[in-house]
Amino acid sequence: VQLVDSGGGLVQPGGSLRLSCAASGFTFSSYAMSWYRQAPGKERELVAAISSAGGSTNYAEPVKGRFTISRDNAKNTVYLKMNSLKPEDTAVYYCNTKRHGSDYWGQGTQVTVSS
């Protein structure tokens, strides 16, 4: 299993970014996918999740209405579109999937929201 995160960067408050996670080594379309984030000095937290076919999503309360998770099973890729970014969204963002009781993680991509 390999997950490669990309798309992070420095953005001003109110700006937007789209994160991508390219997956390989497993049957991507059969597994739910999630995005987590970890800010300095804080625990890693779930941001958003999407079902295997993409028909069901859920979001952490702080990002509802601002972030959208989606997936393209033909490209083995999951996305996180982030709008109206706030300084408190600053964190390393990680793609995740769970298979046979084990967690698999991307390497993370840094998102910094600052003026």
C-alpha atoms as a PDB file:
ATOM      1  CA  VAL A   1       0.000   0.000   0.000  1.00  0.00           C
ATOM      2  CA  GLN A   2       1.339   3.421  -0.949  1.00  0.00           C
ATOM      3  CA  LEU A   3      -0.328   6.777  -0.388  1.00  0.00           C
ATOM      4  CA  VAL A   4       1.322   9.935  -1.735  1.00  0.00           C
ATOM      5  CA  ASP A   5      -0.023  13.271  -0.499  1.00  0.00           C
ATOM      6  CA  SER A   6       0.445  16.514  -2.393  1.00  0.00           C
ATOM      7  CA  GLY A   7      -1.001  19.974  -2.890  1.00  0.00           C
ATOM      8  CA  GLY A   8      -0.151  21.742   0.336  1.00  0.00           C
ATOM      9  CA  GLY A   9       1.400  25.180   0.567  1.00  0.00           C
ATOM     10  CA  LEU A  10       1.196  28.662   2.002  1.00  0.00           C
ATOM     11  CA  VAL A  11      -2.104  30.467   1.515  1.00  0.00           C
ATOM     12  CA  GLN A  12      -3.645  33.655   2.905  1.00  0.00           C
ATOM     13  CA  PRO A  13      -6.700  33.514   5.161  1.00  0.00           C
ATOM     14  CA  GLY A  14      -9.816  33.121   3.047  1.00  0.00           C
ATOM     15  CA  GLY A  15      -7.901  31.337   0.310  1.00  0.00           C
ATOM     16  CA  SER A  16      -8.286  27.857  -1.139  1.00  0.00           C
ATOM     17  CA  LEU A  17      -6.185  24.757  -1.734  1.00  0.00           C
ATOM     18  CA  ARG A  18      -6.843  21.313  -3.150  1.00  0.00           C
ATOM     19  CA  LEU A  19      -4.969  18.375  -1.686  1.00  0.00           C
ATOM     20  CA  SER A  20      -4.514  15.116  -3.578  1.00  0.00           C
ATOM     21  CA  CYS A  21      -3.641  11.607  -2.434  1.00  0.00           C
ATOM     22  CA  ALA A  22      -2.519   9.117  -5.062  1.00  0.00           C
ATOM     23  CA  ALA A  23      -3.017   5.510  -3.973  1.00  0.00           C
ATOM     24  CA  SER A  24      -1.446   2.300  -5.201  1.00  0.00           C
ATOM     25  CA  GLY A  25      -0.887  -1.262  -4.111  1.00  0.00           C
ATOM     26  CA  PHE A  26      -4.470  -2.128  -3.256  1.00  0.00           C
ATOM     27  CA  THR A  27      -7.948  -2.123  -4.802  1.00  0.00           C
ATOM     28  CA  PHE A  28      -8.629   1.556  -4.217  1.00  0.00           C
ATOM     29  CA  SER A  29     -12.301   1.437  -5.200  1.00  0.00           C
ATOM     30  CA  SER A  30     -13.041  -1.090  -2.441  1.00  0.00           C
ATOM     31  CA  TYR A  31     -11.940   1.041   0.507  1.00  0.00           C
ATOM     32  CA  ALA A  32     -13.082   4.129   2.326  1.00  0.00           C
ATOM     33  CA  MET A  33     -10.552   6.942   2.464  1.00  0.00           C
ATOM     34  CA  SER A  34      -9.979   9.728   4.963  1.00  0.00           C
ATOM     35  CA  TRP A  35      -8.016  12.914   5.493  1.00  0.00           C
ATOM     36  CA  TYR A  36      -6.520  13.693   8.896  1.00  0.00           C
ATOM     37  CA  ARG A  37      -4.489  16.660  10.095  1.00  0.00           C
ATOM     38  CA  GLN A  38      -2.025  17.331  12.857  1.00  0.00           C
ATOM     39  CA  ALA A  39      -1.161  20.800  14.088  1.00  0.00           C
ATOM     40  CA  PRO A  40       1.994  21.491  16.139  1.00  0.00           C
ATOM     41  CA  GLY A  41       1.569  20.288  19.706  1.00  0.00           C
ATOM     42  CA  LYS A  42      -1.798  18.685  18.987  1.00  0.00           C
ATOM     43  CA  GLU A  43      -3.051  15.171  18.321  1.00  0.00           C
ATOM     44  CA  ARG A  44      -3.861  13.996  14.831  1.00  0.00           C
ATOM     45  CA  GLU A  45      -7.555  14.500  14.099  1.00  0.00           C
ATOM     46  CA  LEU A  46      -9.996  13.272  11.485  1.00  0.00           C
ATOM     47  CA  VAL A  47     -10.975  15.973   8.995  1.00  0.00           C
ATOM     48  CA  ALA A  48     -13.132  14.165   6.436  1.00  0.00           C
ATOM     49  CA  ALA A  49     -13.968  10.693   5.187  1.00  0.00           C
ATOM     50  CA  ILE A  50     -15.535   9.226   2.056  1.00  0.00           C
ATOM     51  CA  SER A  51     -17.002   5.806   1.350  1.00  0.00           C
ATOM     52  CA  SER A  52     -15.534   3.438  -1.213  1.00  0.00           C
ATOM     53  CA  ALA A  53     -17.910   4.471  -4.001  1.00  0.00           C
ATOM     54  CA  GLY A  54     -17.976   8.095  -2.927  1.00  0.00           C
ATOM     55  CA  GLY A  55     -21.658   8.188  -2.101  1.00  0.00           C
ATOM     56  CA  SER A  56     -21.214   8.959   1.583  1.00  0.00           C
ATOM     57  CA  THR A  57     -19.069  11.613   3.218  1.00  0.00           C
ATOM     58  CA  ASN A  58     -18.634  13.026   6.680  1.00  0.00           C
ATOM     59  CA  TYR A  59     -16.733  15.964   8.086  1.00  0.00           C
ATOM     60  CA  ALA A  60     -15.357  17.231  11.356  1.00  0.00           C
ATOM     61  CA  GLU A  61     -17.416  20.095  12.715  1.00  0.00           C
ATOM     62  CA  PRO A  62     -14.707  22.788  12.280  1.00  0.00           C
ATOM     63  CA  VAL A  63     -14.510  22.206   8.513  1.00  0.00           C
ATOM     64  CA  LYS A  64     -18.156  21.585   7.625  1.00  0.00           C
ATOM     65  CA  GLY A  65     -19.289  23.828   4.817  1.00  0.00           C
ATOM     66  CA  ARG A  66     -15.717  24.789   3.904  1.00  0.00           C
ATOM     67  CA  PHE A  67     -13.994  21.517   2.942  1.00  0.00           C
ATOM     68  CA  THR A  68     -15.114  18.925   0.396  1.00  0.00           C
ATOM     69  CA  ILE A  69     -13.727  15.399   0.112  1.00  0.00           C
ATOM     70  CA  SER A  70     -14.071  13.570  -3.200  1.00  0.00           C
ATOM     71  CA  ARG A  71     -12.504  10.674  -5.051  1.00  0.00           C
ATOM     72  CA  ASP A  72     -11.826   9.486  -8.576  1.00  0.00           C
ATOM     73  CA  ASN A  73     -11.713   5.700  -8.546  1.00  0.00           C
ATOM     74  CA  ALA A  74     -10.518   5.609 -12.154  1.00  0.00           C
ATOM     75  CA  LYS A  75      -7.436   7.587 -11.107  1.00  0.00           C
ATOM     76  CA  ASN A  76      -6.987   5.968  -7.667  1.00  0.00           C
ATOM     77  CA  THR A  77      -6.970   9.430  -6.138  1.00  0.00           C
ATOM     78  CA  VAL A  78      -8.776  11.125  -3.267  1.00  0.00           C
ATOM     79  CA  TYR A  79      -9.018  14.900  -2.965  1.00  0.00           C
ATOM     80  CA  LEU A  80      -9.668  17.467  -0.277  1.00  0.00           C
ATOM     81  CA  LYS A  81     -10.840  20.857  -1.531  1.00  0.00           C
ATOM     82  CA  MET A  82     -10.388  23.467   1.172  1.00  0.00           C
ATOM     83  CA  ASN A  83     -12.102  26.848   0.888  1.00  0.00           C
ATOM     84  CA  SER A  84     -12.292  29.831   3.230  1.00  0.00           C
ATOM     85  CA  LEU A  85      -9.121  28.716   4.946  1.00  0.00           C
ATOM     86  CA  LYS A  86      -8.393  29.983   8.439  1.00  0.00           C
ATOM     87  CA  PRO A  87      -5.123  30.212  10.393  1.00  0.00           C
ATOM     88  CA  GLU A  88      -6.388  27.412  12.630  1.00  0.00           C
ATOM     89  CA  ASP A  89      -6.426  25.098   9.595  1.00  0.00           C
ATOM     90  CA  THR A  90      -2.614  25.215   9.601  1.00  0.00           C
ATOM     91  CA  ALA A  91      -1.377  21.629   9.969  1.00  0.00           C
ATOM     92  CA  VAL A  92       0.193  18.699   8.208  1.00  0.00           C
ATOM     93  CA  TYR A  93      -2.550  16.883   6.315  1.00  0.00           C
ATOM     94  CA  TYR A  94      -2.426  13.088   5.891  1.00  0.00           C
ATOM     95  CA  CYS A  95      -4.335  10.713   3.674  1.00  0.00           C
ATOM     96  CA  ASN A  96      -5.446   7.483   5.373  1.00  0.00           C
ATOM     97  CA  THR A  97      -7.019   4.148   4.628  1.00  0.00           C
ATOM     98  CA  LYS A  98      -7.695   1.136   6.819  1.00  0.00           C
ATOM     99  CA  ARG A  99      -7.204  -2.424   5.594  1.00  0.00           C
ATOM    100  CA  HIS A 100      -7.487  -5.605   7.619  1.00  0.00           C
ATOM    101  CA  GLY A 101      -7.314  -3.705  10.885  1.00  0.00           C
ATOM    102  CA  SER A 102      -4.215  -1.691   9.983  1.00  0.00           C
ATOM    103  CA  ASP A 103      -3.874   2.005   9.255  1.00  0.00           C
ATOM    104  CA  TYR A 104      -1.954   3.224   6.216  1.00  0.00           C
ATOM    105  CA  TRP A 105      -0.800   6.832   5.926  1.00  0.00           C
ATOM    106  CA  GLY A 106       0.524   9.186   3.331  1.00  0.00           C
ATOM    107  CA  GLN A 107       3.703  11.112   4.074  1.00  0.00           C
ATOM    108  CA  GLY A 108       1.738  14.276   4.779  1.00  0.00           C
ATOM    109  CA  THR A 109       1.581  17.661   3.105  1.00  0.00           C
ATOM    110  CA  GLN A 110       2.002  20.953   4.973  1.00  0.00           C
ATOM    111  CA  VAL A 111      -0.775  23.536   4.830  1.00  0.00           C
ATOM    112  CA  THR A 112       0.038  26.955   6.267  1.00  0.00           C
ATOM    113  CA  VAL A 113      -2.616  29.665   6.430  1.00  0.00           C
ATOM    114  CA  SER A 114      -1.057  33.021   7.173  1.00  0.00           C
ATOM    115  CA  SER A 115      -1.026  36.586   5.966  1.00  0.00           C
END
